[in-house]
């Protein structure tokens, strides 16, 4: 039996366009411009890794990480993201289908823990997930495989018993390095994401059901 480990941003919640807009607006307040090419390098990264990417690629950006973290979080609090408005409509029938069939369901995301619980609470889907793992717990986030290896261990599963549902290249690579089969959800807004490392690219979340059913038929 396959069990499912989901990424959150870009998969369960269509937050990427809003994150992109807010990140650019934040940097504009500081007097910097963020190109789409630079922003794309950050997809799937945690806050510290995102900061390091901006330090490397944004000319003149020398803010200390502690200041960046404090000011970025303050900026986000001024206008919190409405997760319920950005939720993928497929998450409710998909999670119900998986739960009814006793699949283990986990969340492995680079987002901070407070964001994880705020989003899951807003969507009223906390109880579907046996574990919720934040990449901020680890020294290295995606594409390092540790977040998936830890998720598998917490679930008591081997990599061959689980599917990962991802969208970003770093997330896909993280799951593949951990030995999982990876379904990549096609970008909803034509973001230029390289999903070629995934085992299968799906157009909508309910395609997870079709993949599982087809896999059973092949077995």
Foldseek 3Di string as FASTA:
>chain_A
DAAEEEEPDQAFFPCVVVVVVLVQVVVVVVVWGDDLVLVLVCPQAALVVNVVSCVVPTPPDDDDSVVVVVVSVVSCVVPPDQRLVGGAPVPVVVLVVCVVVPHAYAYQGQYDPVVVVVNCVSNVNVVSHPYYHHQVVDPGGFVAQPSVVVVCVVVVHQQDRYEYEEAAPRVQNNSVVSPHQYEHAYGPPPRPHDPVSHPYYDPHPCVVVVVVVVVVVVD
